[in-house]
Amino acid sequence: MFKRILVPYDSSNFSKKALDTAIEISKKFGSELWFLTVLDKDLPSRLTSKVTDSEKPHKSLSSIELELRNKVIDCKEQGANADYELIKGSPKETILRFAKGRKMDLIIMGSQGLHGIKKIKTLGSVSRAISEKAQCPVLLVH
């Protein structure tokens, strides 16, 4: 039923929960999992661990790749086939384009990402856009 599942992944607690859900569904249906991390298109090609604004440090590109590689290994150890992509761009457009181009059967994502306001329980803008515009079913995990 779900041969190809996309998991937009940004290291937030919501995306980690979405990944756990995706692994379970993947094992049940024998699905191929794809993790997609969208990097801000305005970030320089070489990211650093230094603070780039007054509040948030950015992870280095190598630490993001290492985390994704470890998630792929975890999935394979749990019996789920997985791979990942890192793409620079706008999250909404990049996720939709990737899902369409790779013919995903399901998108599983967190209801909010790293940019969500934790105190207000609302649907994140990226999650909302994906759920409204995707050409496949979308499962939002809270």
N, C-alpha and C. Protein backbone atom coordinates (compact mmCIF):
# COMPACT_ATOMS: atom_id res chain seq x y z
N MET A 1 0.82 -1.19 0.00
CA MET A 1 0.00 0.00 0.00
C MET A 1 0.87 1.27 0.00
N PHE A 2 1.79 1.34 0.94
CA PHE A 2 2.70 2.49 1.02
C PHE A 2 4.11 2.00 0.71
N LYS A 3 4.48 2.08 -0.55
CA LYS A 3 5.80 1.58 -0.95
C LYS A 3 6.91 2.57 -0.65
N ARG A 4 6.60 3.87 -0.74
CA ARG A 4 7.62 4.91 -0.54
C ARG A 4 7.05 5.95 0.43
N ILE A 5 7.74 6.13 1.55
CA ILE A 5 7.29 7.06 2.59
C ILE A 5 8.34 8.14 2.78
N LEU A 6 7.89 9.38 2.75
CA LEU A 6 8.76 10.53 2.97
C LEU A 6 8.59 11.04 4.39
N VAL A 7 9.71 11.27 5.06
CA VAL A 7 9.71 11.84 6.40
C VAL A 7 10.55 13.12 6.38
N PRO A 8 9.91 14.29 6.27
CA PRO A 8 10.67 15.54 6.41
C PRO A 8 11.24 15.58 7.83
N TYR A 9 12.54 15.75 7.94
CA TYR A 9 13.21 15.60 9.24
C TYR A 9 14.04 16.83 9.57
N ASP A 10 13.75 17.45 10.74
CA ASP A 10 14.49 18.65 11.15
C ASP A 10 15.05 18.55 12.57
N SER A 11 15.09 17.34 13.13
CA SER A 11 15.61 17.08 14.48
C SER A 11 14.69 17.55 15.60
N SER A 12 13.54 18.12 15.28
CA SER A 12 12.61 18.53 16.33
C SER A 12 12.00 17.28 16.96
N ASN A 13 11.44 17.44 18.16
CA ASN A 13 10.77 16.31 18.81
C ASN A 13 9.62 15.79 17.95
N PHE A 14 8.92 16.69 17.26
CA PHE A 14 7.82 16.28 16.41
C PHE A 14 8.31 15.43 15.25
N SER A 15 9.44 15.79 14.64
CA SER A 15 9.93 14.99 13.52
C SER A 15 10.50 13.66 14.02
N LYS A 16 11.02 13.63 15.23
CA LYS A 16 11.50 12.36 15.79
C LYS A 16 10.33 11.41 16.04
N LYS A 17 9.20 11.96 16.52
CA LYS A 17 8.01 11.13 16.71
C LYS A 17 7.47 10.66 15.37
N ALA A 18 7.51 11.54 14.36
CA ALA A 18 7.06 11.16 13.03
C ALA A 18 7.93 10.03 12.48
N LEU A 19 9.23 10.11 12.73
CA LEU A 19 10.13 9.06 12.27
C LEU A 19 9.80 7.72 12.94
N ASP A 20 9.55 7.74 14.24
CA ASP A 20 9.17 6.49 14.94
C ASP A 20 7.92 5.87 14.32
N THR A 21 6.94 6.73 14.02
CA THR A 21 5.70 6.26 13.39
C THR A 21 5.99 5.70 12.01
N ALA A 22 6.83 6.39 11.25
CA ALA A 22 7.17 5.96 9.90
C ALA A 22 7.88 4.60 9.91
N ILE A 23 8.74 4.38 10.87
CA ILE A 23 9.45 3.10 10.96
C ILE A 23 8.45 1.97 11.18
N GLU A 24 7.49 2.18 12.08
CA GLU A 24 6.49 1.14 12.35
C GLU A 24 5.65 0.85 11.10
N ILE A 25 5.22 1.88 10.41
CA ILE A 25 4.42 1.70 9.20
C ILE A 25 5.27 1.03 8.12
N SER A 26 6.52 1.44 8.01
CA SER A 26 7.43 0.87 7.03
C SER A 26 7.61 -0.63 7.25
N LYS A 27 7.78 -1.03 8.48
CA LYS A 27 7.97 -2.45 8.78
C LYS A 27 6.70 -3.24 8.44
N LYS A 28 5.55 -2.64 8.68
CA LYS A 28 4.28 -3.32 8.42
C LYS A 28 4.04 -3.52 6.92
N PHE A 29 4.39 -2.52 6.11
CA PHE A 29 4.11 -2.57 4.68
C PHE A 29 5.34 -2.86 3.82
N GLY A 30 6.51 -2.99 4.45
CA GLY A 30 7.73 -3.20 3.68
C GLY A 30 8.10 -1.99 2.85
N SER A 31 7.81 -0.82 3.39
CA SER A 31 8.02 0.45 2.67
C SER A 31 9.47 0.90 2.70
N GLU A 32 9.81 1.68 1.70
CA GLU A 32 11.10 2.36 1.64
C GLU A 32 10.93 3.73 2.27
N LEU A 33 11.78 4.08 3.23
CA LEU A 33 11.71 5.38 3.90
C LEU A 33 12.73 6.34 3.31
N TRP A 34 12.30 7.58 3.15
CA TRP A 34 13.21 8.65 2.74
C TRP A 34 13.12 9.77 3.75
N PHE A 35 14.26 10.16 4.31
CA PHE A 35 14.31 11.33 5.19
C PHE A 35 14.76 12.50 4.34
N LEU A 36 14.09 13.61 4.49
CA LEU A 36 14.45 14.80 3.76
C LEU A 36 14.67 15.93 4.74
N THR A 37 15.88 16.46 4.75
CA THR A 37 16.18 17.65 5.54
C THR A 37 16.40 18.80 4.58
N VAL A 38 15.62 19.86 4.80
CA VAL A 38 15.71 21.03 3.93
C VAL A 38 16.53 22.09 4.64
N LEU A 39 17.63 22.46 4.02
CA LEU A 39 18.49 23.50 4.56
C LEU A 39 18.04 24.84 4.03
N ASP A 40 18.12 25.86 4.87
CA ASP A 40 17.73 27.21 4.48
C ASP A 40 18.51 27.62 3.25
N LYS A 41 17.80 28.05 2.22
CA LYS A 41 18.46 28.42 0.96
C LYS A 41 19.38 29.61 1.10
N ASP A 42 19.21 30.41 2.18
CA ASP A 42 20.04 31.59 2.39
C ASP A 42 21.30 31.31 3.21
N LEU A 43 21.44 30.09 3.72
CA LEU A 43 22.63 29.75 4.49
C LEU A 43 23.82 29.62 3.55
N PRO A 44 25.00 30.02 4.01
CA PRO A 44 26.19 29.83 3.17
C PRO A 44 26.45 28.34 2.97
N SER A 45 27.19 28.02 1.94
CA SER A 45 27.47 26.62 1.63
C SER A 45 28.18 25.91 2.77
N ARG A 46 29.05 26.63 3.47
CA ARG A 46 29.76 26.03 4.60
C ARG A 46 29.12 26.52 5.89
N LEU A 47 28.39 25.63 6.55
CA LEU A 47 27.76 25.98 7.82
C LEU A 47 28.80 25.84 8.93
N THR A 48 28.61 26.59 9.98
CA THR A 48 29.50 26.45 11.13
C THR A 48 28.66 26.22 12.37
N SER A 49 29.29 25.85 13.43
CA SER A 49 28.60 25.65 14.70
C SER A 49 28.44 26.95 15.47
N LYS A 50 28.97 28.02 14.94
CA LYS A 50 28.92 29.28 15.67
C LYS A 50 27.52 29.88 15.64
N VAL A 51 27.24 30.70 16.62
CA VAL A 51 25.95 31.37 16.68
C VAL A 51 25.88 32.39 15.55
N THR A 52 24.79 32.28 14.75
CA THR A 52 24.65 33.18 13.62
C THR A 52 23.63 34.28 13.90
N ASP A 53 22.87 34.14 14.96
CA ASP A 53 22.00 35.22 15.41
C ASP A 53 22.03 35.21 16.92
N SER A 54 21.28 36.07 17.55
CA SER A 54 21.39 36.24 19.00
C SER A 54 20.83 35.06 19.79
N GLU A 55 20.07 34.18 19.17
CA GLU A 55 19.43 33.13 19.96
C GLU A 55 19.83 31.70 19.59
N LYS A 56 19.98 31.39 18.31
CA LYS A 56 20.09 30.00 17.91
C LYS A 56 21.42 29.68 17.25
N PRO A 57 22.12 28.67 17.76
CA PRO A 57 23.28 28.19 17.01
C PRO A 57 22.80 27.25 15.90
N HIS A 58 23.51 27.24 14.78
CA HIS A 58 23.18 26.31 13.70
C HIS A 58 24.07 25.09 13.84
N LYS A 59 23.50 23.94 13.51
CA LYS A 59 24.33 22.75 13.47
C LYS A 59 25.24 22.83 12.26
N SER A 60 26.35 22.15 12.35
CA SER A 60 27.22 22.10 11.18
C SER A 60 26.62 21.11 10.18
N LEU A 61 26.94 21.29 8.92
CA LEU A 61 26.45 20.39 7.89
C LEU A 61 26.87 18.97 8.18
N SER A 62 28.08 18.78 8.65
CA SER A 62 28.56 17.43 8.94
C SER A 62 27.78 16.79 10.09
N SER A 63 27.38 17.57 11.08
CA SER A 63 26.61 16.99 12.19
C SER A 63 25.20 16.63 11.75
N ILE A 64 24.63 17.40 10.82
CA ILE A 64 23.31 17.07 10.29
C ILE A 64 23.39 15.77 9.48
N GLU A 65 24.41 15.67 8.64
CA GLU A 65 24.58 14.44 7.85
C GLU A 65 24.83 13.23 8.74
N LEU A 66 25.63 13.42 9.77
CA LEU A 66 25.91 12.32 10.70
C LEU A 66 24.63 11.86 11.38
N GLU A 67 23.80 12.80 11.81
CA GLU A 67 22.53 12.44 12.44
C GLU A 67 21.65 11.66 11.47
N LEU A 68 21.56 12.12 10.23
CA LEU A 68 20.74 11.43 9.24
C LEU A 68 21.29 10.03 8.93
N ARG A 69 22.60 9.92 8.81
CA ARG A 69 23.21 8.60 8.57
C ARG A 69 22.91 7.65 9.73
N ASN A 70 22.99 8.16 10.95
CA ASN A 70 22.68 7.34 12.11
C ASN A 70 21.22 6.90 12.13
N LYS A 71 20.33 7.79 11.69
CA LYS A 71 18.90 7.44 11.62
C LYS A 71 18.69 6.33 10.58
N VAL A 72 19.39 6.42 9.47
CA VAL A 72 19.30 5.37 8.44
C VAL A 72 19.78 4.04 9.00
N ILE A 73 20.89 4.06 9.72
CA ILE A 73 21.42 2.83 10.33
C ILE A 73 20.43 2.28 11.34
N ASP A 74 19.85 3.15 12.18
CA ASP A 74 18.84 2.71 13.17
C ASP A 74 17.67 2.03 12.47
N CYS A 75 17.22 2.63 11.37
CA CYS A 75 16.09 2.06 10.63
C CYS A 75 16.44 0.67 10.10
N LYS A 76 17.61 0.56 9.52
CA LYS A 76 18.02 -0.73 8.95
C LYS A 76 18.14 -1.78 10.04
N GLU A 77 18.62 -1.39 11.22
CA GLU A 77 18.72 -2.33 12.34
C GLU A 77 17.34 -2.78 12.81
N GLN A 78 16.34 -1.93 12.60
CA GLN A 78 14.96 -2.27 12.98
C GLN A 78 14.20 -2.95 11.84
N GLY A 79 14.88 -3.21 10.73
CA GLY A 79 14.26 -3.90 9.62
C GLY A 79 13.56 -3.01 8.61
N ALA A 80 13.86 -1.71 8.63
CA ALA A 80 13.24 -0.78 7.68
C ALA A 80 14.31 -0.27 6.71
N ASN A 81 14.01 -0.27 5.43
CA ASN A 81 14.91 0.23 4.41
C ASN A 81 14.80 1.76 4.38
N ALA A 82 15.92 2.47 4.46
CA ALA A 82 15.88 3.93 4.54
C ALA A 82 17.05 4.57 3.83
N ASP A 83 16.84 5.83 3.45
CA ASP A 83 17.89 6.65 2.87
C ASP A 83 17.55 8.11 3.17
N TYR A 84 18.44 9.04 2.83
CA TYR A 84 18.17 10.44 3.14
C TYR A 84 18.67 11.35 2.04
N GLU A 85 18.14 12.57 2.06
CA GLU A 85 18.58 13.64 1.17
C GLU A 85 18.67 14.92 1.96
N LEU A 86 19.65 15.72 1.65
CA LEU A 86 19.78 17.09 2.17
C LEU A 86 19.65 18.02 0.97
N ILE A 87 18.69 18.93 1.04
CA ILE A 87 18.47 19.83 -0.09
C ILE A 87 18.29 21.25 0.43
N LYS A 88 18.96 22.19 -0.23
CA LYS A 88 18.77 23.61 0.10
C LYS A 88 17.52 24.11 -0.58
N GLY A 89 16.74 24.92 0.14
CA GLY A 89 15.56 25.49 -0.49
C GLY A 89 14.53 25.92 0.53
N SER A 90 13.37 26.25 0.04
CA SER A 90 12.23 26.58 0.87
C SER A 90 11.59 25.26 1.32
N PRO A 91 11.36 25.08 2.63
CA PRO A 91 10.82 23.79 3.09
C PRO A 91 9.54 23.34 2.38
N LYS A 92 8.57 24.23 2.28
CA LYS A 92 7.29 23.83 1.68
C LYS A 92 7.48 23.35 0.25
N GLU A 93 8.10 24.18 -0.57
CA GLU A 93 8.26 23.84 -1.99
C GLU A 93 9.17 22.63 -2.19
N THR A 94 10.23 22.55 -1.40
CA THR A 94 11.18 21.45 -1.55
C THR A 94 10.55 20.12 -1.18
N ILE A 95 9.81 20.09 -0.09
CA ILE A 95 9.15 18.85 0.34
C ILE A 95 8.13 18.41 -0.71
N LEU A 96 7.31 19.33 -1.18
CA LEU A 96 6.29 18.99 -2.19
C LEU A 96 6.93 18.51 -3.49
N ARG A 97 7.97 19.19 -3.93
CA ARG A 97 8.66 18.82 -5.17
C ARG A 97 9.32 17.44 -5.03
N PHE A 98 9.97 17.21 -3.88
CA PHE A 98 10.63 15.92 -3.64
C PHE A 98 9.60 14.79 -3.63
N ALA A 99 8.49 15.00 -2.92
CA ALA A 99 7.45 13.97 -2.81
C ALA A 99 6.87 13.63 -4.18
N LYS A 100 6.63 14.64 -4.99
CA LYS A 100 6.08 14.42 -6.33
C LYS A 100 7.10 13.75 -7.24
N GLY A 101 8.33 14.27 -7.22
CA GLY A 101 9.38 13.74 -8.09
C GLY A 101 9.75 12.31 -7.79
N ARG A 102 9.72 11.94 -6.53
CA ARG A 102 10.08 10.57 -6.12
C ARG A 102 8.86 9.66 -5.99
N LYS A 103 7.70 10.19 -6.35
CA LYS A 103 6.44 9.42 -6.32
C LYS A 103 6.18 8.77 -4.97
N MET A 104 6.21 9.60 -3.93
CA MET A 104 5.94 9.11 -2.58
C MET A 104 4.47 8.73 -2.44
N ASP A 105 4.24 7.67 -1.68
CA ASP A 105 2.87 7.20 -1.42
C ASP A 105 2.30 7.78 -0.14
N LEU A 106 3.18 8.29 0.73
CA LEU A 106 2.76 8.81 2.02
C LEU A 106 3.83 9.76 2.54
N ILE A 107 3.40 10.84 3.16
CA ILE A 107 4.31 11.74 3.86
C ILE A 107 3.94 11.67 5.33
N ILE A 108 4.92 11.41 6.18
CA ILE A 108 4.70 11.40 7.62
C ILE A 108 5.59 12.48 8.20
N MET A 109 4.97 13.45 8.85
CA MET A 109 5.75 14.57 9.38
C MET A 109 5.17 15.06 10.68
N GLY A 110 6.01 15.79 11.42
CA GLY A 110 5.56 16.39 12.67
C GLY A 110 4.59 17.51 12.41
N SER A 111 3.68 17.71 13.36
CA SER A 111 2.69 18.78 13.21
C SER A 111 3.33 20.15 13.35
N GLN A 112 4.51 20.21 13.95
CA GLN A 112 5.27 21.44 14.07
C GLN A 112 6.74 21.09 13.92
N GLY A 113 7.52 22.07 13.51
CA GLY A 113 8.94 21.84 13.37
C GLY A 113 9.72 22.70 14.35
N LEU A 114 10.96 22.93 14.04
CA LEU A 114 11.83 23.72 14.91
C LEU A 114 11.37 25.16 15.03
N HIS A 115 10.60 25.62 14.05
CA HIS A 115 10.15 27.01 14.08
C HIS A 115 8.82 27.19 14.79
N GLY A 116 8.21 26.07 15.23
CA GLY A 116 6.91 26.16 15.89
C GLY A 116 7.03 26.82 17.26
N ILE A 117 5.99 27.52 17.65
CA ILE A 117 5.95 28.13 18.98
C ILE A 117 5.41 27.07 19.93
N LYS A 118 6.23 26.65 20.87
CA LYS A 118 5.89 25.51 21.72
C LYS A 118 4.69 25.78 22.63
N LYS A 119 4.49 27.01 23.04
CA LYS A 119 3.42 27.30 23.98
C LYS A 119 2.04 27.30 23.31
N ILE A 120 2.00 27.53 22.01
CA ILE A 120 0.74 27.59 21.30
C ILE A 120 0.62 26.34 20.45
N LYS A 121 -0.39 25.55 20.71
CA LYS A 121 -0.56 24.29 19.99
C LYS A 121 -1.35 24.52 18.71
N THR A 122 -0.65 24.92 17.68
CA THR A 122 -1.27 25.12 16.38
C THR A 122 -0.51 24.33 15.34
N LEU A 123 -1.14 24.12 14.23
CA LEU A 123 -0.50 23.42 13.14
C LEU A 123 0.56 24.32 12.53
N GLY A 124 1.77 23.81 12.37
CA GLY A 124 2.85 24.60 11.79
C GLY A 124 2.55 24.98 10.35
N SER A 125 3.12 26.07 9.89
CA SER A 125 2.84 26.55 8.53
C SER A 125 3.32 25.57 7.47
N VAL A 126 4.45 24.93 7.68
CA VAL A 126 4.94 23.96 6.70
C VAL A 126 4.03 22.73 6.70
N SER A 127 3.68 22.23 7.87
CA SER A 127 2.80 21.06 7.96
C SER A 127 1.46 21.33 7.30
N ARG A 128 0.93 22.50 7.56
CA ARG A 128 -0.36 22.87 6.98
C ARG A 128 -0.27 22.91 5.45
N ALA A 129 0.76 23.56 4.92
CA ALA A 129 0.91 23.65 3.47
C ALA A 129 1.07 22.28 2.83
N ILE A 130 1.86 21.42 3.44
CA ILE A 130 2.08 20.08 2.89
C ILE A 130 0.78 19.30 2.92
N SER A 131 0.05 19.36 4.03
CA SER A 131 -1.20 18.60 4.13
C SER A 131 -2.24 19.08 3.13
N GLU A 132 -2.19 20.36 2.76
CA GLU A 132 -3.16 20.91 1.81
C GLU A 132 -2.76 20.68 0.35
N LYS A 133 -1.46 20.62 0.05
CA LYS A 133 -1.02 20.62 -1.34
C LYS A 133 -0.38 19.33 -1.83
N ALA A 134 -0.07 18.41 -0.93
CA ALA A 134 0.59 17.17 -1.34
C ALA A 134 -0.34 16.34 -2.22
N GLN A 135 0.26 15.60 -3.13
CA GLN A 135 -0.51 14.74 -4.04
C GLN A 135 -0.62 13.31 -3.52
N CYS A 136 -0.25 13.13 -2.26
CA CYS A 136 -0.39 11.82 -1.62
C CYS A 136 -0.91 12.06 -0.20
N PRO A 137 -1.34 11.02 0.49
CA PRO A 137 -1.80 11.21 1.87
C PRO A 137 -0.67 11.74 2.76
N VAL A 138 -1.06 12.51 3.77
CA VAL A 138 -0.12 13.10 4.74
C VAL A 138 -0.59 12.72 6.13
N LEU A 139 0.31 12.14 6.91
CA LEU A 139 0.03 11.82 8.30
C LEU A 139 0.82 12.77 9.16
N LEU A 140 0.11 13.58 9.97
CA LEU A 140 0.77 14.53 10.86
C LEU A 140 0.83 13.93 12.26
N VAL A 141 2.00 13.96 12.84
CA VAL A 141 2.25 13.36 14.15
C VAL A 141 2.49 14.48 15.15
N HIS A 142 1.81 14.38 16.29
CA HIS A 142 1.94 15.42 17.32
C HIS A 142 2.68 14.87 18.52
